[in-house]
Protein backbone atom coordinates (compact mmCIF):
# COMPACT_ATOMS: atom_id res chain seq x y z
CA MET A 1 4.72 -12.45 -19.81
CA VAL A 2 6.76 -10.14 -17.58
CA GLU A 3 6.83 -6.38 -17.94
CA THR A 4 9.32 -3.89 -16.60
CA ILE A 5 7.30 -0.98 -15.29
CA PRO A 6 8.63 2.59 -15.72
CA VAL A 7 11.60 3.36 -13.45
CA VAL A 8 12.00 6.78 -11.82
CA ASP A 9 14.84 8.14 -9.69
CA LEU A 10 13.58 9.98 -6.59
CA ALA A 11 17.03 11.56 -6.13
CA GLN A 12 16.29 13.67 -9.23
CA PHE A 13 13.36 15.23 -7.40
CA LEU A 14 14.99 15.56 -3.99
CA ASN A 15 18.48 16.69 -5.08
CA GLY A 16 18.26 17.83 -8.71
CA ASP A 17 18.10 21.33 -10.15
CA GLU A 18 14.76 22.80 -11.23
CA LYS A 19 14.90 21.28 -14.72
CA THR A 20 15.78 17.81 -13.37
CA LYS A 21 13.05 18.06 -10.75
CA LEU A 22 10.40 18.97 -13.34
CA CYS A 23 11.59 16.14 -15.57
CA PHE A 24 10.97 13.71 -12.70
CA VAL A 25 7.50 15.19 -12.09
CA GLU A 26 6.55 14.73 -15.74
CA GLN A 27 7.95 11.22 -15.88
CA LEU A 28 6.12 10.14 -12.72
CA GLY A 29 2.83 11.76 -13.73
CA LYS A 30 2.80 10.25 -17.23
CA ALA A 31 3.50 6.80 -15.78
CA TYR A 32 0.60 7.17 -13.36
CA GLU A 33 -1.71 8.29 -16.17
CA THR A 34 -0.89 5.25 -18.28
CA VAL A 35 0.35 2.32 -16.18
CA GLY A 36 -0.49 3.32 -12.59
CA PHE A 37 2.70 1.64 -11.33
CA VAL A 38 6.35 2.75 -11.19
CA ALA A 39 9.57 1.35 -9.77
CA VAL A 40 11.42 3.94 -7.67
CA LYS A 41 15.16 3.92 -7.09
CA ASN A 42 16.96 6.05 -4.49
CA HIS A 43 13.73 5.94 -2.48
CA THR A 44 15.53 6.84 0.81
CA ILE A 45 14.41 3.72 2.74
CA PRO A 46 17.65 2.04 3.93
CA SER A 47 18.11 -1.46 2.50
CA GLU A 48 19.48 -2.70 5.82
CA LEU A 49 16.26 -1.55 7.55
CA ILE A 50 14.14 -3.39 4.98
CA GLN A 51 16.18 -6.58 5.47
CA LYS A 52 16.00 -6.26 9.25
CA LEU A 53 12.21 -5.91 9.13
CA TYR A 54 11.89 -8.89 6.78
CA ASP A 55 13.88 -10.97 9.26
CA PHE A 56 11.60 -9.94 12.14
CA VAL A 57 8.46 -10.50 10.07
CA GLN A 58 9.54 -14.02 9.12
CA ARG A 59 10.20 -14.80 12.78
CA PHE A 60 6.75 -13.48 13.71
CA PHE A 61 4.90 -15.61 11.17
CA ALA A 62 6.94 -18.66 12.22
CA LEU A 63 5.39 -18.41 15.71
CA PRO A 64 2.76 -21.05 16.60
CA LEU A 65 -0.75 -19.97 15.60
CA ILE A 66 -1.88 -19.87 19.23
CA LYS A 67 0.76 -17.19 19.92
CA LYS A 68 -0.07 -15.14 16.81
CA GLU A 69 -3.76 -15.21 17.66
CA LYS A 70 -3.01 -13.26 20.85
CA TYR A 71 -2.51 -10.30 18.51
CA ASP A 72 -5.81 -10.75 16.65
CA ILE A 73 -8.22 -8.18 18.13
CA PRO A 74 -11.59 -8.61 16.31
CA GLU A 75 -12.95 -5.15 17.20
CA LEU A 76 -10.01 -3.52 15.38
CA SER A 77 -11.25 -4.89 12.00
CA GLY A 78 -7.74 -5.97 11.08
CA GLN A 79 -6.44 -2.39 11.17
CA ARG A 80 -3.91 -3.21 13.89
CA GLY A 81 -2.24 -6.46 14.85
CA TYR A 82 -2.69 -9.92 13.37
CA THR A 83 -5.28 -11.18 10.88
CA SER A 84 -5.27 -14.93 10.40
CA PHE A 85 -5.25 -16.94 7.18
CA GLY A 86 -8.31 -16.72 4.94
CA LYS A 87 -10.18 -13.80 6.53
CA GLU A 88 -9.78 -11.07 3.92
CA HIS A 89 -11.17 -11.25 0.39
CA ALA A 90 -11.05 -8.88 -2.57
CA LYS A 91 -13.99 -6.59 -3.33
CA GLY A 92 -16.54 -8.58 -5.33
CA SER A 93 -14.96 -11.95 -4.48
CA ILE A 94 -16.20 -14.49 -1.92
CA ALA A 95 -13.00 -16.58 -2.04
CA PRO A 96 -10.67 -15.65 0.85
CA ASP A 97 -7.12 -14.65 -0.03
CA LEU A 98 -4.41 -17.19 0.80
CA LYS A 99 -2.55 -15.01 3.29
CA GLU A 100 -2.15 -13.92 6.90
CA PHE A 101 -0.90 -10.48 7.87
CA PHE A 102 0.15 -8.09 10.62
CA GLN A 103 -0.74 -4.39 10.45
CA TYR A 104 0.93 -1.43 12.10
CA GLY A 105 -0.56 2.05 11.92
CA GLN A 106 0.11 5.71 12.64
CA ILE A 107 2.02 6.47 15.83
CA LEU A 108 0.58 9.22 18.01
CA SER A 109 1.99 10.81 21.15
CA GLU A 110 -0.22 10.84 24.26
CA GLU A 111 -0.96 14.51 23.59
CA GLU A 112 -1.83 13.87 19.93
CA LYS A 113 -4.23 11.07 20.88
CA LYS A 114 -6.52 13.70 22.42
CA SER A 115 -7.07 15.22 18.95
CA PHE A 116 -7.79 12.02 17.01
CA SER A 117 -10.60 9.48 17.05
CA LYS A 118 -9.70 6.27 18.88
CA ALA A 119 -11.80 4.40 16.29
CA ASP A 120 -9.64 5.75 13.45
CA TYR A 121 -6.34 5.53 15.34
CA PRO A 122 -6.37 2.54 17.70
CA ASP A 123 -3.17 1.79 19.58
CA ASN A 124 -0.63 -0.40 17.85
CA ILE A 125 -0.24 -3.97 19.07
CA THR A 126 3.06 -4.72 20.83
CA VAL A 127 4.66 -8.07 20.00
CA SER A 128 6.31 -9.42 23.14
CA GLU A 129 7.97 -12.63 21.82
CA ILE A 130 10.45 -10.93 19.46
CA PRO A 131 12.71 -8.25 21.00
CA GLY A 132 13.34 -5.41 18.54
CA PHE A 133 10.27 -6.15 16.38
CA ASN A 134 8.25 -3.13 17.54
CA GLU A 135 11.09 -0.60 17.28
CA THR A 136 12.01 -1.84 13.80
CA ILE A 137 8.48 -1.70 12.40
CA GLU A 138 8.02 1.83 13.80
CA ASN A 139 11.31 2.94 12.22
CA ALA A 140 10.26 1.45 8.87
CA PHE A 141 6.84 3.14 9.10
CA ARG A 142 8.50 6.55 9.49
CA HIS A 143 10.80 5.97 6.52
CA PHE A 144 7.90 4.87 4.30
CA GLU A 145 5.99 7.99 5.33
CA THR A 146 8.88 10.27 4.37
CA SER A 147 9.43 8.62 0.99
CA GLY A 148 5.69 8.63 0.23
CA ALA A 149 5.36 12.31 1.15
CA ALA A 150 8.11 13.20 -1.35
CA LEU A 151 6.32 11.32 -4.12
CA LEU A 152 3.06 13.08 -3.29
CA ARG A 153 4.81 16.45 -3.59
CA ALA A 154 5.81 15.48 -7.13
CA ILE A 155 2.28 14.28 -7.88
CA ALA A 156 0.86 17.59 -6.63
CA LEU A 157 3.10 19.52 -9.02
CA TYR A 158 2.04 17.27 -11.90
CA LEU A 159 -1.58 18.06 -11.08
CA ARG A 160 -0.75 21.82 -11.16
CA LEU A 161 -1.33 22.13 -7.42
CA GLU A 162 0.88 23.69 -4.77
CA GLU A 163 3.79 21.35 -4.03
CA ASN A 164 2.70 20.91 -0.41
CA TYR A 165 -0.98 20.38 -1.27
CA PHE A 166 -1.12 16.92 0.33
CA GLU A 167 0.98 17.79 3.41
CA PRO A 168 -1.83 18.83 5.80
CA PHE A 169 -3.84 15.76 4.81
CA ILE A 170 -1.07 13.19 5.27
CA ASN A 171 0.48 14.71 8.40
CA LYS A 172 -0.55 12.07 10.96
CA GLY A 173 -2.51 10.40 8.18
CA ASN A 174 -4.22 7.06 8.75
CA SER A 175 -1.50 5.04 6.97
CA ILE A 176 -0.87 1.32 7.42
CA LEU A 177 2.23 -0.84 7.11
CA ARG A 178 1.05 -4.35 6.30
CA CYS A 179 3.40 -7.33 6.68
CA ILE A 180 2.01 -10.26 4.67
CA HIS A 181 2.79 -13.96 4.70
CA TYR A 182 1.51 -16.17 1.89
CA PRO A 183 2.12 -19.65 3.40
CA PRO A 184 3.25 -22.72 1.44
CA ILE A 185 0.47 -24.44 -0.51
CA THR A 186 -0.06 -27.90 0.96
CA GLN A 187 -2.95 -29.18 -1.19
CA GLU A 188 -4.64 -28.41 -4.50
CA PRO A 189 -5.92 -24.84 -3.97
CA LYS A 190 -9.49 -23.85 -4.81
CA SER A 191 -8.07 -20.76 -6.48
CA ALA A 192 -4.86 -20.06 -8.40
CA ILE A 193 -4.70 -16.70 -6.67
CA ARG A 194 -2.93 -15.92 -3.40
CA SER A 195 -4.46 -12.43 -3.46
CA GLU A 196 -7.43 -11.94 -5.80
CA GLN A 197 -7.53 -9.06 -8.27
CA HIS A 198 -8.14 -5.72 -6.57
CA GLU A 199 -7.28 -2.05 -6.45
CA ASP A 200 -5.78 -0.43 -3.36
CA ILE A 201 -7.98 1.87 -1.27
CA ASN A 202 -5.48 4.60 -0.35
CA LEU A 203 -3.63 7.49 -2.06
CA ILE A 204 -0.46 5.58 -3.00
CA THR A 205 1.06 2.23 -2.02
CA LEU A 206 4.80 1.73 -1.49
CA LEU A 207 5.91 -1.91 -1.82
CA VAL A 208 9.43 -3.05 -1.04
CA GLY A 209 10.63 -6.05 -3.04
CA ALA A 210 8.63 -9.15 -2.17
CA SER A 211 10.50 -12.35 -1.28
CA ALA A 212 9.12 -14.14 -4.37
CA ASP A 213 7.50 -13.43 -7.72
CA GLY A 214 3.74 -13.38 -8.17
CA LEU A 215 2.62 -9.74 -8.53
CA GLN A 216 0.72 -9.13 -11.77
CA ILE A 217 -1.03 -6.04 -13.15
CA LEU A 218 -3.92 -5.86 -15.61
CA THR A 219 -2.95 -3.88 -18.71
CA ARG A 220 -5.30 -1.63 -20.68
CA GLN A 221 -5.38 -4.40 -23.28
CA GLY A 222 -6.89 -6.72 -20.66
CA GLU A 223 -3.76 -8.86 -20.26
CA TRP A 224 -2.21 -9.95 -16.98
CA VAL A 225 1.53 -9.29 -16.89
CA GLY A 226 4.06 -10.00 -14.16
CA VAL A 227 5.80 -7.02 -12.59
CA THR A 228 9.49 -7.07 -11.83
CA SER A 229 11.70 -4.56 -10.04
CA LEU A 230 15.33 -4.66 -8.99
CA PRO A 231 16.24 -5.36 -5.33
CA GLU A 232 17.21 -1.71 -4.72
CA GLN A 233 13.88 -0.41 -6.04
CA ILE A 234 10.41 -0.15 -4.53
CA VAL A 235 7.16 -0.40 -6.49
CA VAL A 236 4.74 2.50 -5.97
CA ASN A 237 1.20 2.47 -7.35
CA VAL A 238 -1.82 4.78 -7.37
CA GLY A 239 -4.71 3.88 -5.05
CA ASP A 240 -8.44 4.45 -5.48
CA MET A 241 -8.49 7.58 -3.32
CA LEU A 242 -6.01 9.34 -5.62
CA GLN A 243 -7.82 8.08 -8.73
CA ARG A 244 -11.07 9.42 -7.29
CA LEU A 245 -9.52 12.78 -6.31
CA THR A 246 -8.10 13.21 -9.84
CA ASN A 247 -11.36 12.16 -11.56
CA ASN A 248 -9.61 9.13 -13.15
CA LYS A 249 -6.68 11.16 -14.48
CA LEU A 250 -4.27 9.01 -12.46
CA LYS A 251 -4.95 5.27 -12.70
CA SER A 252 -5.52 2.87 -9.82
CA THR A 253 -4.48 -0.26 -11.71
CA THR A 254 -6.01 -3.67 -10.96
CA HIS A 255 -3.42 -6.13 -9.64
CA ARG A 256 -3.20 -9.54 -8.00
CA VAL A 257 -0.75 -12.08 -6.56
CA VAL A 258 -0.80 -15.49 -8.25
CA ASN A 259 0.27 -18.84 -6.88
CA PRO A 260 3.77 -20.06 -7.72
CA PRO A 261 4.45 -22.98 -10.08
CA LYS A 262 3.69 -26.35 -8.46
CA GLU A 263 7.38 -27.08 -7.87
CA LEU A 264 7.49 -24.00 -5.59
CA TRP A 265 4.30 -24.69 -3.62
CA HIS A 266 6.42 -25.58 -0.59
CA THR A 267 7.75 -21.99 -0.39
CA SER A 268 6.38 -18.97 1.46
CA ARG A 269 6.05 -15.48 0.03
CA PHE A 270 6.51 -12.36 2.18
CA SER A 271 5.49 -8.86 1.18
CA MET A 272 5.38 -5.46 2.94
CA PRO A 273 3.14 -2.82 1.35
CA PHE A 274 2.80 0.60 2.97
CA PHE A 275 -0.68 2.00 2.31
CA LEU A 276 -0.36 5.78 2.51
CA HIS A 277 -3.71 7.16 3.70
CA PRO A 278 -4.72 10.74 4.40
CA ARG A 279 -6.49 11.90 7.52
CA SER A 280 -10.12 10.80 7.67
CA GLU A 281 -11.51 14.32 7.19
CA MET A 282 -9.82 14.84 3.80
CA ASN A 283 -12.43 15.62 1.14
CA LEU A 284 -11.98 13.33 -1.88
CA ALA A 285 -14.19 15.48 -4.12
CA CYS A 286 -12.78 15.49 -7.66
CA LEU A 287 -10.31 18.34 -8.22
CA ASP A 288 -11.76 21.16 -10.31
CA ASN A 289 -8.78 21.13 -12.68
CA CYS A 290 -9.39 17.43 -13.43
CA ILE A 291 -12.98 18.07 -14.60
CA ASP A 292 -13.87 19.32 -18.08
CA VAL A 293 -16.33 18.64 -20.90
CA THR A 294 -14.40 15.56 -22.00
CA HIS A 295 -13.96 14.34 -18.42
CA PRO A 296 -17.16 15.08 -16.48
CA LYS A 297 -17.16 14.53 -12.74
CA ALA A 298 -17.21 10.75 -12.21
CA TYR A 299 -17.70 10.44 -8.44
CA GLU A 300 -19.92 11.68 -5.64
CA ASP A 301 -18.19 13.68 -2.90
CA ILE A 302 -17.00 11.65 0.08
CA THR A 303 -14.40 11.96 2.83
CA ALA A 304 -11.40 9.66 3.06
CA GLY A 305 -12.75 8.21 6.31
CA GLY A 306 -16.16 7.53 4.80
CA TYR A 307 -14.63 5.86 1.77
CA LEU A 308 -12.28 3.73 3.88
CA ASN A 309 -15.19 2.43 5.97
CA GLU A 310 -17.11 1.52 2.82
CA ARG A 311 -14.20 -0.44 1.42
CA LEU A 312 -13.31 -2.25 4.67
CA LYS A 313 -16.87 -3.60 4.72
CA GLU A 314 -16.60 -4.68 1.07
CA ILE A 315 -13.45 -6.73 1.71
CA GLY A 316 -14.79 -8.41 4.85
CA LEU A 317 -12.66 -6.72 7.52
CA LYS A 318 -15.47 -4.59 8.95
CA LYS A 319 -19.06 -5.54 9.74
């Protein structure tokens, strides 16, 4: 079963009149209360940039393993550089996901580095074998940030907050652009899942169209349904931090990536999610206006940094 998730047009929010803008806010908010996922068109990330990055990413993962492993720095807990096949697993699962990935994080100037923790913001890893790779991934990171910030402005309005509520928290936030390769399946897999069911850790996730099908979400009726979006759209979902902040008003929906049919086992799948994180000091205490008699406070207070550390340990990336 395949489901078309709600589609929203970001141009309505960025360029529309007040009525059109509020219509977008309501549409986005209702979708996040019910489904937790939307497809966004006119998302402002140039299609040629996305294609260029995909080309570079495919070239990177085609490198011999010995070359890729140069970019695997164990003390970085997978937060920068390369993580090899089978290291990460979903929370509550012992089976490793069938993927390898490369992560690129927030870019700080030399002056800015003095104000941020090196543990939270390690330097990005420079790939030397592929000219243009580093500049392209940095450019894509900036575009994802801009698009995500616009969506968070709309979310703030839906939550009856100031439009720029999230701005101080996401300015130089601890976001991650993850480039994933699900390699061809060469023998009967122990699991039918390339990426086991999970919820994302962050505020929101922006996902440009993957190179193959496989993404499924768990509906409120307990059914797994495939998610489709058009090539010019990106999929954007709520993460656990935003669900926690809104006391479960906005839904961080469980999702997974399943293996392809046997006749397509020989194919790879590439995917590029942008995990939009706030700064570590952001307080994720449930918003007062999301708490009432019907919806009592569901979570203990915690900072974004504290919560991230907890989750990285749960998924096997941090000791």
